[in-house]
Amino acid sequence: MRITVYLMVGFFLFVSPAGAFKQLSTEKADCRNCHTLTTAEAKEIFTGFQGELLSVEQAEIPGFWEIGMKVNNQNVPLYLDYSKSYLVSGTIIRLKDKKNLTEESYRKLNPVDPSRVPTDDALLLGNPEAEKKIIVFTDPHCPYCVKLHEVMKEAVAKRSDLLFQIKLMPIKTSSKKIAETIACTKSMEQLEAAFAKKEIPETSCESKVIEQNLALAKSLGIRSTPTLILPNGQISPGYKPLAALLEIIDQAVVNN
């Protein structure tokens, strides 16, 4: 993900050598309940900035609020410290699991329009008339795609309001030819055979589906499989167990 901020702010992050936020980072000390920042106050703080305030919420990192700003038609997450004196832009990584928190926030601020994602090539899993449609980018040779696919089957067996629209996105070189074959036949059986590491017969048909899917994924900032596009346009990468999968789908409320 590339986040380019054209906001010139004249503020810099100051960290004392003594560890000014040491107390904030402990489990016993949680200052989030002691500090407030209203939308009105944030708007006043950013008066004169070339950007539109979109949201204000507590950041996961101790001692900061996360500020959603629209700058030059791009929605970006920024971080304001509790003293309301320092604004920070950049990537925040959670060390325990290497999760990019800034990228996650960026995706929340920039949902895609699911109706603009072509699904004519998609393999369907679930109820075609389902209320909740989830687009899934998958790779036939991706181990976590295999695991998620089994969870998706559990989900549609449990609930009739779900439809997974599976688009082939072969990241691995070894899976490109297989993906092209499956795209030509549009066969769920062949996809599941590929997931099971079985050989599938090659087809001589020519299709630009895989090339188009890869280009589409790149334009959406999708770089890994499996990746979901939820009904509200939020992008959610990675494998999820059944309970977590159903939870994020149910939380993906579409605002009409």
C-alpha atoms as a PDB file:
ATOM      1  CA  MET A   1       0.000   0.000   0.000  1.00  0.00           C
ATOM      2  CA  ARG A   2       1.233   3.462  -0.802  1.00  0.00           C
ATOM      3  CA  ILE A   3      -0.006   6.313   1.318  1.00  0.00           C
ATOM      4  CA  THR A   4       1.105   9.700   0.049  1.00  0.00           C
ATOM      5  CA  VAL A   5       0.227  12.640   2.254  1.00  0.00           C
ATOM      6  CA  TYR A   6       0.622  16.091   0.736  1.00  0.00           C
ATOM      7  CA  LEU A   7      -0.189  17.750   4.049  1.00  0.00           C
ATOM      8  CA  MET A   8       2.630  19.987   5.245  1.00  0.00           C
ATOM      9  CA  VAL A   9       2.263  20.256   8.967  1.00  0.00           C
ATOM     10  CA  GLY A  10       5.318  21.704  10.720  1.00  0.00           C
ATOM     11  CA  PHE A  11       4.907  19.217  13.584  1.00  0.00           C
ATOM     12  CA  PHE A  12       7.303  16.422  14.511  1.00  0.00           C
ATOM     13  CA  LEU A  13       7.062  13.437  16.829  1.00  0.00           C
ATOM     14  CA  PHE A  14       9.088  13.930  19.965  1.00  0.00           C
ATOM     15  CA  VAL A  15      10.069  10.911  22.042  1.00  0.00           C
ATOM     16  CA  SER A  16      12.021  11.489  25.234  1.00  0.00           C
ATOM     17  CA  PRO A  17      14.984   9.206  25.971  1.00  0.00           C
ATOM     18  CA  ALA A  18      13.413   8.416  29.324  1.00  0.00           C
ATOM     19  CA  GLY A  19      10.441   6.853  27.584  1.00  0.00           C
ATOM     20  CA  ALA A  20       7.639   9.365  28.084  1.00  0.00           C
ATOM     21  CA  PHE A  21       4.995   6.818  27.129  1.00  0.00           C
ATOM     22  CA  LYS A  22       6.372   3.921  29.130  1.00  0.00           C
ATOM     23  CA  GLN A  23       3.508   4.125  31.590  1.00  0.00           C
ATOM     24  CA  LEU A  24       0.967   4.269  28.764  1.00  0.00           C
ATOM     25  CA  SER A  25       2.224   1.017  27.304  1.00  0.00           C
ATOM     26  CA  THR A  26       1.658  -1.055  30.436  1.00  0.00           C
ATOM     27  CA  GLU A  27      -1.465  -3.097  30.913  1.00  0.00           C
ATOM     28  CA  LYS A  28      -2.156  -1.469  34.292  1.00  0.00           C
ATOM     29  CA  ALA A  29      -2.117   2.096  32.973  1.00  0.00           C
ATOM     30  CA  ASP A  30      -4.730   2.956  30.370  1.00  0.00           C
ATOM     31  CA  CYS A  31      -5.072   6.678  29.799  1.00  0.00           C
ATOM     32  CA  ARG A  32      -7.652   6.347  27.049  1.00  0.00           C
ATOM     33  CA  ASN A  33     -10.428   6.951  29.560  1.00  0.00           C
ATOM     34  CA  CYS A  34      -8.734  10.142  30.775  1.00  0.00           C
ATOM     35  CA  HIS A  35      -8.332  11.868  27.408  1.00  0.00           C
ATOM     36  CA  THR A  36     -11.038  13.066  25.058  1.00  0.00           C
ATOM     37  CA  LEU A  37     -11.098  14.619  21.619  1.00  0.00           C
ATOM     38  CA  THR A  38     -14.403  15.616  20.077  1.00  0.00           C
ATOM     39  CA  THR A  39     -14.945  16.060  16.365  1.00  0.00           C
ATOM     40  CA  ALA A  40     -15.592  19.761  16.943  1.00  0.00           C
ATOM     41  CA  GLU A  41     -12.314  20.134  18.853  1.00  0.00           C
ATOM     42  CA  ALA A  42     -10.414  18.233  16.170  1.00  0.00           C
ATOM     43  CA  LYS A  43     -11.839  20.498  13.479  1.00  0.00           C
ATOM     44  CA  GLU A  44     -10.628  23.508  15.446  1.00  0.00           C
ATOM     45  CA  ILE A  45      -7.163  21.985  15.861  1.00  0.00           C
ATOM     46  CA  PHE A  46      -6.902  21.391  12.123  1.00  0.00           C
ATOM     47  CA  THR A  47      -8.285  24.779  11.090  1.00  0.00           C
ATOM     48  CA  GLY A  48      -6.167  26.051   8.219  1.00  0.00           C
ATOM     49  CA  PHE A  49      -4.969  22.581   7.196  1.00  0.00           C
ATOM     50  CA  GLN A  50      -5.517  21.591   3.600  1.00  0.00           C
ATOM     51  CA  GLY A  51      -7.673  18.604   4.315  1.00  0.00           C
ATOM     52  CA  GLU A  52     -11.117  17.471   5.412  1.00  0.00           C
ATOM     53  CA  LEU A  53     -11.591  15.785   8.780  1.00  0.00           C
ATOM     54  CA  LEU A  54     -13.338  12.430   8.329  1.00  0.00           C
ATOM     55  CA  SER A  55     -13.102  10.652  11.675  1.00  0.00           C
ATOM     56  CA  VAL A  56     -11.646  10.722  15.177  1.00  0.00           C
ATOM     57  CA  GLU A  57     -11.082   7.636  17.316  1.00  0.00           C
ATOM     58  CA  GLN A  58      -8.646   6.182  19.795  1.00  0.00           C
ATOM     59  CA  ALA A  59      -5.606   4.644  18.105  1.00  0.00           C
ATOM     60  CA  GLU A  60      -4.394   1.223  19.141  1.00  0.00           C
ATOM     61  CA  ILE A  61      -0.970   2.659  19.880  1.00  0.00           C
ATOM     62  CA  PRO A  62      -0.854   4.178  23.394  1.00  0.00           C
ATOM     63  CA  GLY A  63      -1.056   7.943  23.706  1.00  0.00           C
ATOM     64  CA  PHE A  64      -2.586   8.724  20.315  1.00  0.00           C
ATOM     65  CA  TRP A  65      -5.843   9.340  18.525  1.00  0.00           C
ATOM     66  CA  GLU A  66      -6.285   8.116  14.980  1.00  0.00           C
ATOM     67  CA  ILE A  67      -7.454  10.888  12.668  1.00  0.00           C
ATOM     68  CA  GLY A  68      -9.030  10.158   9.304  1.00  0.00           C
ATOM     69  CA  MET A  69      -8.318  12.986   6.858  1.00  0.00           C
ATOM     70  CA  LYS A  70      -9.160  13.546   3.217  1.00  0.00           C
ATOM     71  CA  VAL A  71      -6.164  15.128   1.543  1.00  0.00           C
ATOM     72  CA  ASN A  72      -6.041  15.727  -2.219  1.00  0.00           C
ATOM     73  CA  ASN A  73      -8.932  13.273  -2.744  1.00  0.00           C
ATOM     74  CA  GLN A  74      -7.146  10.572  -0.784  1.00  0.00           C
ATOM     75  CA  ASN A  75      -8.384   9.312   2.596  1.00  0.00           C
ATOM     76  CA  VAL A  76      -5.460   8.744   4.947  1.00  0.00           C
ATOM     77  CA  PRO A  77      -4.976   7.836   8.623  1.00  0.00           C
ATOM     78  CA  LEU A  78      -2.881  10.227  10.731  1.00  0.00           C
ATOM     79  CA  TYR A  79      -2.054  10.140  14.451  1.00  0.00           C
ATOM     80  CA  LEU A  80      -2.454  12.964  16.990  1.00  0.00           C
ATOM     81  CA  ASP A  81      -0.836  12.605  20.416  1.00  0.00           C
ATOM     82  CA  TYR A  82      -2.709  13.131  23.686  1.00  0.00           C
ATOM     83  CA  SER A  83      -1.091  16.527  24.226  1.00  0.00           C
ATOM     84  CA  LYS A  84      -2.742  17.598  20.934  1.00  0.00           C
ATOM     85  CA  SER A  85       0.558  19.108  19.876  1.00  0.00           C
ATOM     86  CA  TYR A  86       2.097  16.535  17.548  1.00  0.00           C
ATOM     87  CA  LEU A  87       0.708  15.054  14.345  1.00  0.00           C
ATOM     88  CA  VAL A  88       2.348  11.923  12.972  1.00  0.00           C
ATOM     89  CA  SER A  89       1.995  10.358   9.522  1.00  0.00           C
ATOM     90  CA  GLY A  90       3.538   7.037   8.566  1.00  0.00           C
ATOM     91  CA  THR A  91       3.257   3.299   8.999  1.00  0.00           C
ATOM     92  CA  ILE A  92       2.486   1.766  12.383  1.00  0.00           C
ATOM     93  CA  ILE A  93       3.415  -1.922  12.776  1.00  0.00           C
ATOM     94  CA  ARG A  94       2.219  -4.031  15.723  1.00  0.00           C
ATOM     95  CA  LEU A  95       5.303  -6.028  16.653  1.00  0.00           C
ATOM     96  CA  LYS A  96       3.657  -9.075  18.226  1.00  0.00           C
ATOM     97  CA  ASP A  97       2.161 -10.215  14.916  1.00  0.00           C
ATOM     98  CA  LYS A  98       3.785  -7.806  12.399  1.00  0.00           C
ATOM     99  CA  LYS A  99       0.346  -6.427  11.507  1.00  0.00           C
ATOM    100  CA  ASN A 100       0.314  -3.147   9.587  1.00  0.00           C
ATOM    101  CA  LEU A 101      -2.216  -1.096  11.553  1.00  0.00           C
ATOM    102  CA  THR A 102      -1.941   1.898   9.232  1.00  0.00           C
ATOM    103  CA  GLU A 103      -2.729  -0.213   6.189  1.00  0.00           C
ATOM    104  CA  GLU A 104      -5.766  -1.648   7.980  1.00  0.00           C
ATOM    105  CA  SER A 105      -6.985   1.865   8.823  1.00  0.00           C
ATOM    106  CA  TYR A 106      -6.320   3.004   5.265  1.00  0.00           C
ATOM    107  CA  ARG A 107      -8.558   0.214   3.956  1.00  0.00           C
ATOM    108  CA  LYS A 108     -11.328   1.197   6.345  1.00  0.00           C
ATOM    109  CA  LEU A 109     -11.152   4.776   5.126  1.00  0.00           C
ATOM    110  CA  ASN A 110     -11.122   3.694   1.475  1.00  0.00           C
ATOM    111  CA  PRO A 111     -13.729   0.977   0.868  1.00  0.00           C
ATOM    112  CA  VAL A 112     -14.203  -0.225  -2.682  1.00  0.00           C
ATOM    113  CA  ASP A 113     -17.525  -0.316  -4.506  1.00  0.00           C
ATOM    114  CA  PRO A 114     -18.343  -4.060  -4.794  1.00  0.00           C
ATOM    115  CA  SER A 115     -20.746  -3.362  -7.656  1.00  0.00           C
ATOM    116  CA  ARG A 116     -17.781  -2.217  -9.752  1.00  0.00           C
ATOM    117  CA  VAL A 117     -15.935  -5.518  -9.295  1.00  0.00           C
ATOM    118  CA  PRO A 118     -16.878  -7.820 -12.209  1.00  0.00           C
ATOM    119  CA  THR A 119     -18.111 -11.209 -11.036  1.00  0.00           C
ATOM    120  CA  ASP A 120     -19.117 -12.818 -14.350  1.00  0.00           C
ATOM    121  CA  ASP A 121     -16.025 -15.013 -14.053  1.00  0.00           C
ATOM    122  CA  ALA A 122     -16.610 -15.864 -10.388  1.00  0.00           C
ATOM    123  CA  LEU A 123     -17.206 -19.369  -9.091  1.00  0.00           C
ATOM    124  CA  LEU A 124     -20.255 -19.314  -6.835  1.00  0.00           C
ATOM    125  CA  LEU A 125     -20.447 -20.911  -3.407  1.00  0.00           C
ATOM    126  CA  GLY A 126     -23.718 -20.458  -1.540  1.00  0.00           C
ATOM    127  CA  ASN A 127     -27.140 -19.081  -2.350  1.00  0.00           C
ATOM    128  CA  PRO A 128     -27.197 -17.102  -5.645  1.00  0.00           C
ATOM    129  CA  GLU A 129     -30.098 -15.068  -4.242  1.00  0.00           C
ATOM    130  CA  ALA A 130     -28.341 -14.390  -0.944  1.00  0.00           C
ATOM    131  CA  GLU A 131     -28.600 -10.999   0.710  1.00  0.00           C
ATOM    132  CA  LYS A 132     -24.913 -10.903   1.635  1.00  0.00           C
ATOM    133  CA  LYS A 133     -22.444 -11.341  -1.220  1.00  0.00           C
ATOM    134  CA  ILE A 134     -18.730 -11.612  -0.492  1.00  0.00           C
ATOM    135  CA  ILE A 135     -16.066 -11.469  -3.202  1.00  0.00           C
ATOM    136  CA  VAL A 136     -13.089 -13.753  -2.583  1.00  0.00           C
ATOM    137  CA  PHE A 137      -9.720 -13.579  -4.348  1.00  0.00           C
ATOM    138  CA  THR A 138      -8.046 -16.977  -4.150  1.00  0.00           C
ATOM    139  CA  ASP A 139      -5.047 -18.900  -5.478  1.00  0.00           C
ATOM    140  CA  PRO A 140      -5.342 -22.642  -6.288  1.00  0.00           C
ATOM    141  CA  HIS A 141      -1.944 -23.315  -4.677  1.00  0.00           C
ATOM    142  CA  CYS A 142      -2.391 -21.135  -1.587  1.00  0.00           C
ATOM    143  CA  PRO A 143      -2.566 -23.206   1.658  1.00  0.00           C
ATOM    144  CA  TYR A 144      -4.570 -20.569   3.526  1.00  0.00           C
ATOM    145  CA  CYS A 145      -6.975 -20.328   0.580  1.00  0.00           C
ATOM    146  CA  VAL A 146      -7.633 -24.047   1.017  1.00  0.00           C
ATOM    147  CA  LYS A 147      -8.361 -23.559   4.704  1.00  0.00           C
ATOM    148  CA  LEU A 148     -10.634 -20.567   4.100  1.00  0.00           C
ATOM    149  CA  HIS A 149     -12.501 -22.420   1.348  1.00  0.00           C
ATOM    150  CA  GLU A 150     -13.423 -25.175   3.816  1.00  0.00           C
ATOM    151  CA  VAL A 151     -14.619 -22.553   6.289  1.00  0.00           C
ATOM    152  CA  MET A 152     -16.673 -20.885   3.542  1.00  0.00           C
ATOM    153  CA  LYS A 153     -18.369 -24.224   2.859  1.00  0.00           C
ATOM    154  CA  GLU A 154     -19.201 -24.502   6.550  1.00  0.00           C
ATOM    155  CA  ALA A 155     -20.596 -20.963   6.489  1.00  0.00           C
ATOM    156  CA  VAL A 156     -22.980 -21.543   3.559  1.00  0.00           C
ATOM    157  CA  ALA A 157     -24.095 -24.868   5.045  1.00  0.00           C
ATOM    158  CA  LYS A 158     -24.998 -22.999   8.206  1.00  0.00           C
ATOM    159  CA  ARG A 159     -26.592 -19.925   6.631  1.00  0.00           C
ATOM    160  CA  SER A 160     -28.602 -19.349   3.475  1.00  0.00           C
ATOM    161  CA  ASP A 161     -28.031 -15.574   3.366  1.00  0.00           C
ATOM    162  CA  LEU A 162     -24.444 -15.899   2.120  1.00  0.00           C
ATOM    163  CA  LEU A 163     -22.908 -16.098  -1.336  1.00  0.00           C
ATOM    164  CA  PHE A 164     -19.154 -16.249  -1.898  1.00  0.00           C
ATOM    165  CA  GLN A 165     -18.093 -15.084  -5.366  1.00  0.00           C
ATOM    166  CA  ILE A 166     -14.677 -16.610  -5.942  1.00  0.00           C
ATOM    167  CA  LYS A 167     -12.258 -14.889  -8.312  1.00  0.00           C
ATOM    168  CA  LEU A 168      -9.011 -16.600  -9.280  1.00  0.00           C
ATOM    169  CA  MET A 169      -5.866 -14.655  -8.502  1.00  0.00           C
ATOM    170  CA  PRO A 170      -2.775 -16.842  -8.992  1.00  0.00           C
ATOM    171  CA  ILE A 171       0.083 -15.213  -7.138  1.00  0.00           C
ATOM    172  CA  LYS A 172       2.259 -18.295  -7.337  1.00  0.00           C
ATOM    173  CA  THR A 173       3.861 -18.958 -10.715  1.00  0.00           C
ATOM    174  CA  SER A 174       2.964 -22.646 -10.423  1.00  0.00           C
ATOM    175  CA  SER A 175      -0.745 -21.895 -10.151  1.00  0.00           C
ATOM    176  CA  LYS A 176      -1.186 -19.572 -13.137  1.00  0.00           C
ATOM    177  CA  LYS A 177      -1.793 -22.292 -15.745  1.00  0.00           C
ATOM    178  CA  ILE A 178      -4.135 -24.150 -13.400  1.00  0.00           C
ATOM    179  CA  ALA A 179      -6.043 -20.935 -12.688  1.00  0.00           C
ATOM    180  CA  GLU A 180      -6.378 -20.278 -16.414  1.00  0.00           C
ATOM    181  CA  THR A 181      -7.793 -23.776 -16.910  1.00  0.00           C
ATOM    182  CA  ILE A 182     -10.299 -23.361 -14.090  1.00  0.00           C
ATOM    183  CA  ALA A 183     -11.282 -19.929 -15.428  1.00  0.00           C
ATOM    184  CA  CYS A 184     -11.978 -21.454 -18.854  1.00  0.00           C
ATOM    185  CA  THR A 185     -14.117 -24.274 -17.504  1.00  0.00           C
ATOM    186  CA  LYS A 186     -15.548 -22.207 -14.632  1.00  0.00           C
ATOM    187  CA  SER A 187     -15.563 -25.391 -12.596  1.00  0.00           C
ATOM    188  CA  MET A 188     -15.799 -25.430  -8.804  1.00  0.00           C
ATOM    189  CA  GLU A 189     -14.946 -29.136  -8.922  1.00  0.00           C
ATOM    190  CA  GLN A 190     -11.661 -28.335 -10.644  1.00  0.00           C
ATOM    191  CA  LEU A 191     -10.849 -25.618  -8.114  1.00  0.00           C
ATOM    192  CA  GLU A 192     -11.423 -28.037  -5.247  1.00  0.00           C
ATOM    193  CA  ALA A 193      -9.357 -30.675  -7.053  1.00  0.00           C
ATOM    194  CA  ALA A 194      -6.530 -28.128  -7.354  1.00  0.00           C
ATOM    195  CA  PHE A 195      -6.895 -27.307  -3.647  1.00  0.00           C
ATOM    196  CA  ALA A 196      -6.519 -31.052  -2.992  1.00  0.00           C
ATOM    197  CA  LYS A 197      -3.324 -31.046  -5.114  1.00  0.00           C
ATOM    198  CA  LYS A 198      -4.881 -33.266  -7.755  1.00  0.00           C
ATOM    199  CA  GLU A 199      -4.035 -32.931 -11.430  1.00  0.00           C
ATOM    200  CA  ILE A 200      -6.679 -31.336 -13.615  1.00  0.00           C
ATOM    201  CA  PRO A 201      -6.827 -31.575 -17.399  1.00  0.00           C
ATOM    202  CA  GLU A 202      -5.504 -28.573 -19.262  1.00  0.00           C
ATOM    203  CA  THR A 203      -7.765 -26.718 -21.649  1.00  0.00           C
ATOM    204  CA  SER A 204      -6.844 -25.102 -24.935  1.00  0.00           C
ATOM    205  CA  CYS A 205      -9.245 -22.191 -24.550  1.00  0.00           C
ATOM    206  CA  GLU A 206      -7.891 -18.676 -24.387  1.00  0.00           C
ATOM    207  CA  SER A 207      -9.075 -16.316 -21.690  1.00  0.00           C
ATOM    208  CA  LYS A 208      -7.964 -12.958 -20.349  1.00  0.00           C
ATOM    209  CA  VAL A 209      -9.786 -13.480 -17.037  1.00  0.00           C
ATOM    210  CA  ILE A 210      -6.662 -14.200 -14.989  1.00  0.00           C
ATOM    211  CA  GLU A 211      -4.766 -11.265 -16.467  1.00  0.00           C
ATOM    212  CA  GLN A 212      -7.748  -9.006 -15.744  1.00  0.00           C
ATOM    213  CA  ASN A 213      -8.122 -10.317 -12.197  1.00  0.00           C
ATOM    214  CA  LEU A 214      -4.468  -9.675 -11.418  1.00  0.00           C
ATOM    215  CA  ALA A 215      -4.707  -6.136 -12.790  1.00  0.00           C
ATOM    216  CA  LEU A 216      -7.898  -5.520 -10.834  1.00  0.00           C
ATOM    217  CA  ALA A 217      -6.375  -6.806  -7.604  1.00  0.00           C
ATOM    218  CA  LYS A 218      -3.370  -4.542  -8.083  1.00  0.00           C
ATOM    219  CA  SER A 219      -5.612  -1.520  -8.647  1.00  0.00           C
ATOM    220  CA  LEU A 220      -7.491  -2.323  -5.417  1.00  0.00           C
ATOM    221  CA  GLY A 221      -4.310  -2.731  -3.397  1.00  0.00           C
ATOM    222  CA  ILE A 222      -4.862  -6.487  -2.980  1.00  0.00           C
ATOM    223  CA  ARG A 223      -1.501  -8.238  -2.874  1.00  0.00           C
ATOM    224  CA  SER A 224      -2.196 -11.506  -1.095  1.00  0.00           C
ATOM    225  CA  THR A 225      -4.602 -14.416  -1.042  1.00  0.00           C
ATOM    226  CA  PRO A 226      -7.054 -15.163   0.294  1.00  0.00           C
ATOM    227  CA  THR A 227      -8.598 -11.683   0.387  1.00  0.00           C
ATOM    228  CA  LEU A 228     -12.265 -10.838   0.876  1.00  0.00           C
ATOM    229  CA  ILE A 229     -14.251  -7.844  -0.293  1.00  0.00           C
ATOM    230  CA  LEU A 230     -17.120  -7.573   2.174  1.00  0.00           C
ATOM    231  CA  PRO A 231     -20.631  -6.327   1.297  1.00  0.00           C
ATOM    232  CA  ASN A 232     -19.782  -2.808   2.502  1.00  0.00           C
ATOM    233  CA  GLY A 233     -16.638  -2.645   0.364  1.00  0.00           C
ATOM    234  CA  GLN A 234     -14.152  -3.234   3.165  1.00  0.00           C
ATOM    235  CA  ILE A 235     -11.153  -5.348   2.161  1.00  0.00           C
ATOM    236  CA  SER A 236     -10.215  -8.101   4.607  1.00  0.00           C
ATOM    237  CA  PRO A 237      -7.115 -10.190   3.838  1.00  0.00           C
ATOM    238  CA  GLY A 238      -6.181 -13.544   5.303  1.00  0.00           C
ATOM    239  CA  TYR A 239      -7.651 -16.765   6.654  1.00  0.00           C
ATOM    240  CA  LYS A 240     -10.367 -16.605   9.301  1.00  0.00           C
ATOM    241  CA  PRO A 241     -12.032 -19.355  11.343  1.00  0.00           C
ATOM    242  CA  LEU A 242     -15.795 -19.707  11.019  1.00  0.00           C
ATOM    243  CA  ALA A 243     -16.848 -17.518  13.952  1.00  0.00           C
ATOM    244  CA  ALA A 244     -14.510 -14.692  12.919  1.00  0.00           C
ATOM    245  CA  LEU A 245     -15.597 -14.928   9.278  1.00  0.00           C
ATOM    246  CA  LEU A 246     -19.289 -14.688  10.125  1.00  0.00           C
ATOM    247  CA  GLU A 247     -18.606 -11.844  12.554  1.00  0.00           C
ATOM    248  CA  ILE A 248     -16.850  -9.613  10.010  1.00  0.00           C
ATOM    249  CA  ILE A 249     -19.542 -10.328   7.415  1.00  0.00           C
ATOM    250  CA  ASP A 250     -22.316  -9.412   9.833  1.00  0.00           C
ATOM    251  CA  GLN A 251     -20.457  -6.262  10.860  1.00  0.00           C
ATOM    252  CA  ALA A 252     -20.089  -5.195   7.220  1.00  0.00           C
ATOM    253  CA  VAL A 253     -23.240  -3.111   7.234  1.00  0.00           C
ATOM    254  CA  VAL A 254     -24.085  -1.525   3.898  1.00  0.00           C
ATOM    255  CA  ASN A 255     -25.139   2.108   4.287  1.00  0.00           C
ATOM    256  CA  ASN A 256     -27.698   2.922   1.635  1.00  0.00           C
END
